[in-house]
Amino acid sequence: MENSNRVEIAILNHLFKHGYIGKRHTPFKNALKGIPMHQRGEAKAILENLIKRGLVSPYQTGHGMDVRINPDRIQDVKRIIGLD
């Protein structure tokens, strides 16, 4: 459980740090950058869970699925990553 929380924080921190909020988005696989290769399967499931929870929004593009932080939930994201 603690490990999945760290992965969740790492994903949200990466998206927040690079400004992938609202109109700015990044490919799904790029949101997993910085996660060790042996944890990528778990990280993919965690990112999909973040989408289901509404913290991260999917965005369909011509090259595939992109993701971004949901601007309506930015305060929740800041609380999770420890900025609030």
N, C-alpha and C. Protein backbone atom coordinates (compact mmCIF):
# COMPACT_ATOMS: atom_id res chain seq x y z
N MET A 1 0.83 -1.21 0.00
CA MET A 1 0.00 0.00 0.00
C MET A 1 0.86 1.25 0.00
N GLU A 2 1.88 1.27 0.87
CA GLU A 2 2.74 2.45 0.93
C GLU A 2 3.46 2.68 -0.39
N ASN A 3 3.88 1.59 -1.04
CA ASN A 3 4.56 1.71 -2.32
C ASN A 3 3.64 2.30 -3.39
N SER A 4 2.37 1.90 -3.39
CA SER A 4 1.43 2.43 -4.38
C SER A 4 1.17 3.92 -4.12
N ASN A 5 1.19 4.32 -2.85
CA ASN A 5 1.04 5.75 -2.54
C ASN A 5 2.22 6.55 -3.08
N ARG A 6 3.42 5.98 -2.96
CA ARG A 6 4.61 6.66 -3.49
C ARG A 6 4.53 6.80 -5.00
N VAL A 7 4.06 5.76 -5.67
CA VAL A 7 3.94 5.80 -7.13
C VAL A 7 2.88 6.83 -7.53
N GLU A 8 1.77 6.86 -6.82
CA GLU A 8 0.71 7.83 -7.09
C GLU A 8 1.25 9.25 -6.93
N ILE A 9 1.97 9.50 -5.86
CA ILE A 9 2.56 10.82 -5.61
C ILE A 9 3.56 11.17 -6.71
N ALA A 10 4.38 10.19 -7.12
CA ALA A 10 5.37 10.44 -8.17
C ALA A 10 4.71 10.82 -9.49
N ILE A 11 3.63 10.14 -9.84
CA ILE A 11 2.92 10.44 -11.09
C ILE A 11 2.31 11.84 -11.03
N LEU A 12 1.59 12.12 -9.95
CA LEU A 12 0.95 13.44 -9.81
C LEU A 12 1.99 14.55 -9.74
N ASN A 13 3.09 14.30 -9.06
CA ASN A 13 4.15 15.31 -8.95
C ASN A 13 4.77 15.60 -10.32
N HIS A 14 4.98 14.56 -11.10
CA HIS A 14 5.53 14.73 -12.45
C HIS A 14 4.60 15.59 -13.31
N LEU A 15 3.32 15.27 -13.29
CA LEU A 15 2.35 16.03 -14.08
C LEU A 15 2.27 17.48 -13.60
N PHE A 16 2.26 17.68 -12.29
CA PHE A 16 2.15 19.03 -11.73
C PHE A 16 3.41 19.85 -12.01
N LYS A 17 4.56 19.24 -11.81
CA LYS A 17 5.84 19.92 -11.98
C LYS A 17 6.02 20.44 -13.41
N HIS A 18 5.54 19.65 -14.38
CA HIS A 18 5.69 20.03 -15.78
C HIS A 18 4.50 20.84 -16.30
N GLY A 19 3.54 21.12 -15.44
CA GLY A 19 2.42 21.98 -15.82
C GLY A 19 1.38 21.32 -16.70
N TYR A 20 1.23 20.01 -16.60
CA TYR A 20 0.23 19.30 -17.40
C TYR A 20 -1.12 19.40 -16.70
N ILE A 21 -1.68 20.60 -16.76
CA ILE A 21 -2.94 20.92 -16.09
C ILE A 21 -3.84 21.59 -17.12
N GLY A 22 -5.09 21.18 -17.17
CA GLY A 22 -6.03 21.84 -18.07
C GLY A 22 -5.74 21.55 -19.53
N LYS A 23 -5.39 22.59 -20.30
CA LYS A 23 -5.19 22.42 -21.74
C LYS A 23 -3.88 21.73 -22.10
N ARG A 24 -2.89 21.79 -21.24
CA ARG A 24 -1.60 21.16 -21.53
C ARG A 24 -1.65 19.69 -21.12
N HIS A 25 -1.21 18.81 -22.00
CA HIS A 25 -1.31 17.38 -21.73
C HIS A 25 -0.06 16.66 -22.25
N THR A 26 0.10 15.43 -21.83
CA THR A 26 1.25 14.61 -22.21
C THR A 26 0.77 13.19 -22.52
N PRO A 27 1.47 12.47 -23.38
CA PRO A 27 1.08 11.09 -23.65
C PRO A 27 1.07 10.24 -22.38
N PHE A 28 0.18 9.27 -22.36
CA PHE A 28 -0.01 8.38 -21.20
C PHE A 28 1.32 7.81 -20.72
N LYS A 29 2.14 7.30 -21.65
CA LYS A 29 3.40 6.66 -21.24
C LYS A 29 4.40 7.68 -20.69
N ASN A 30 4.33 8.93 -21.11
CA ASN A 30 5.25 9.95 -20.58
C ASN A 30 4.90 10.32 -19.14
N ALA A 31 3.66 10.12 -18.75
CA ALA A 31 3.26 10.40 -17.37
C ALA A 31 3.92 9.43 -16.41
N LEU A 32 4.43 8.31 -16.94
CA LEU A 32 5.07 7.29 -16.10
C LEU A 32 6.59 7.45 -16.04
N LYS A 33 7.12 8.52 -16.64
CA LYS A 33 8.56 8.75 -16.60
C LYS A 33 9.01 8.93 -15.15
N GLY A 34 10.17 8.39 -14.87
CA GLY A 34 10.71 8.48 -13.52
C GLY A 34 10.34 7.31 -12.64
N ILE A 35 9.42 6.47 -13.12
CA ILE A 35 9.02 5.27 -12.38
C ILE A 35 9.94 4.14 -12.84
N PRO A 36 10.54 3.40 -11.91
CA PRO A 36 11.42 2.28 -12.31
C PRO A 36 10.68 1.28 -13.20
N MET A 37 11.41 0.68 -14.12
CA MET A 37 10.81 -0.24 -15.09
C MET A 37 10.06 -1.40 -14.42
N HIS A 38 10.56 -1.89 -13.30
CA HIS A 38 9.90 -3.02 -12.65
C HIS A 38 8.59 -2.64 -11.98
N GLN A 39 8.29 -1.34 -11.91
CA GLN A 39 7.04 -0.88 -11.31
C GLN A 39 6.08 -0.28 -12.34
N ARG A 40 6.43 -0.34 -13.62
CA ARG A 40 5.61 0.30 -14.65
C ARG A 40 4.22 -0.32 -14.75
N GLY A 41 4.10 -1.63 -14.59
CA GLY A 41 2.78 -2.27 -14.65
C GLY A 41 1.87 -1.75 -13.56
N GLU A 42 2.40 -1.68 -12.35
CA GLU A 42 1.64 -1.15 -11.21
C GLU A 42 1.33 0.32 -11.43
N ALA A 43 2.30 1.08 -11.96
CA ALA A 43 2.11 2.51 -12.18
C ALA A 43 1.03 2.77 -13.21
N LYS A 44 0.96 1.94 -14.23
CA LYS A 44 -0.09 2.09 -15.25
C LYS A 44 -1.47 1.90 -14.62
N ALA A 45 -1.59 0.89 -13.77
CA ALA A 45 -2.87 0.64 -13.08
C ALA A 45 -3.21 1.81 -12.15
N ILE A 46 -2.21 2.37 -11.48
CA ILE A 46 -2.44 3.51 -10.58
C ILE A 46 -2.89 4.73 -11.38
N LEU A 47 -2.25 4.99 -12.53
CA LEU A 47 -2.65 6.12 -13.37
C LEU A 47 -4.09 5.94 -13.86
N GLU A 48 -4.46 4.73 -14.25
CA GLU A 48 -5.84 4.46 -14.66
C GLU A 48 -6.80 4.70 -13.50
N ASN A 49 -6.38 4.36 -12.29
CA ASN A 49 -7.19 4.61 -11.10
C ASN A 49 -7.34 6.11 -10.86
N LEU A 50 -6.28 6.88 -11.07
CA LEU A 50 -6.35 8.34 -10.91
C LEU A 50 -7.34 8.93 -11.90
N ILE A 51 -7.41 8.36 -13.10
CA ILE A 51 -8.38 8.81 -14.09
C ILE A 51 -9.79 8.50 -13.60
N LYS A 52 -10.01 7.29 -13.08
CA LYS A 52 -11.34 6.92 -12.57
C LYS A 52 -11.76 7.80 -11.41
N ARG A 53 -10.79 8.19 -10.56
CA ARG A 53 -11.09 9.04 -9.41
C ARG A 53 -11.29 10.51 -9.81
N GLY A 54 -10.98 10.86 -11.04
CA GLY A 54 -11.20 12.22 -11.51
C GLY A 54 -10.07 13.19 -11.22
N LEU A 55 -8.95 12.71 -10.69
CA LEU A 55 -7.82 13.60 -10.42
C LEU A 55 -7.05 13.89 -11.70
N VAL A 56 -7.03 12.93 -12.61
CA VAL A 56 -6.35 13.06 -13.90
C VAL A 56 -7.41 12.87 -14.98
N SER A 57 -7.34 13.72 -16.01
CA SER A 57 -8.30 13.64 -17.10
C SER A 57 -7.64 13.03 -18.34
N PRO A 58 -8.32 12.10 -19.01
CA PRO A 58 -7.81 11.59 -20.28
C PRO A 58 -8.13 12.58 -21.40
N TYR A 59 -7.31 12.58 -22.44
CA TYR A 59 -7.52 13.46 -23.58
C TYR A 59 -7.11 12.69 -24.83
N GLN A 60 -8.07 12.38 -25.68
CA GLN A 60 -7.79 11.61 -26.89
C GLN A 60 -7.16 12.50 -27.95
N THR A 61 -6.04 12.07 -28.51
CA THR A 61 -5.36 12.81 -29.57
C THR A 61 -5.19 11.88 -30.77
N GLY A 62 -4.62 12.40 -31.84
CA GLY A 62 -4.39 11.60 -33.03
C GLY A 62 -3.37 10.50 -32.82
N HIS A 63 -2.48 10.68 -31.87
CA HIS A 63 -1.43 9.69 -31.63
C HIS A 63 -1.74 8.77 -30.46
N GLY A 64 -2.86 8.95 -29.82
CA GLY A 64 -3.23 8.08 -28.71
C GLY A 64 -3.79 8.86 -27.54
N MET A 65 -3.77 8.22 -26.38
CA MET A 65 -4.34 8.81 -25.18
C MET A 65 -3.31 9.70 -24.48
N ASP A 66 -3.70 10.93 -24.18
CA ASP A 66 -2.89 11.84 -23.38
C ASP A 66 -3.59 12.01 -22.03
N VAL A 67 -2.85 12.51 -21.06
CA VAL A 67 -3.41 12.76 -19.73
C VAL A 67 -2.99 14.14 -19.24
N ARG A 68 -3.77 14.65 -18.31
CA ARG A 68 -3.50 15.94 -17.68
C ARG A 68 -4.22 15.98 -16.34
N ILE A 69 -3.75 16.83 -15.45
CA ILE A 69 -4.42 16.99 -14.16
C ILE A 69 -5.73 17.73 -14.39
N ASN A 70 -6.77 17.26 -13.75
CA ASN A 70 -8.08 17.90 -13.82
C ASN A 70 -7.98 19.23 -13.05
N PRO A 71 -8.16 20.38 -13.73
CA PRO A 71 -8.02 21.67 -13.04
C PRO A 71 -9.04 21.89 -11.92
N ASP A 72 -10.18 21.19 -11.99
CA ASP A 72 -11.19 21.31 -10.93
C ASP A 72 -10.75 20.60 -9.65
N ARG A 73 -9.77 19.71 -9.74
CA ARG A 73 -9.31 18.94 -8.59
C ARG A 73 -7.87 19.29 -8.19
N ILE A 74 -7.38 20.46 -8.62
CA ILE A 74 -5.99 20.85 -8.37
C ILE A 74 -5.67 20.92 -6.88
N GLN A 75 -6.62 21.36 -6.06
CA GLN A 75 -6.37 21.44 -4.61
C GLN A 75 -6.18 20.05 -4.01
N ASP A 76 -6.95 19.08 -4.49
CA ASP A 76 -6.79 17.70 -4.02
C ASP A 76 -5.42 17.16 -4.41
N VAL A 77 -4.99 17.47 -5.63
CA VAL A 77 -3.67 17.00 -6.11
C VAL A 77 -2.56 17.64 -5.26
N LYS A 78 -2.67 18.93 -5.00
CA LYS A 78 -1.65 19.60 -4.17
C LYS A 78 -1.59 19.00 -2.78
N ARG A 79 -2.72 18.64 -2.23
CA ARG A 79 -2.76 18.02 -0.90
C ARG A 79 -2.08 16.65 -0.93
N ILE A 80 -2.33 15.88 -1.97
CA ILE A 80 -1.74 14.54 -2.08
C ILE A 80 -0.22 14.61 -2.23
N ILE A 81 0.28 15.56 -3.04
CA ILE A 81 1.72 15.63 -3.24
C ILE A 81 2.44 16.45 -2.17
N GLY A 82 1.68 17.04 -1.26
CA GLY A 82 2.27 17.71 -0.12
C GLY A 82 2.60 19.18 -0.31
N LEU A 83 1.90 19.85 -1.20
CA LEU A 83 2.14 21.28 -1.42
C LEU A 83 1.16 22.16 -0.66
N ASP A 84 0.18 21.56 -0.04
CA ASP A 84 -0.83 22.35 0.68
C ASP A 84 -0.72 22.14 2.17
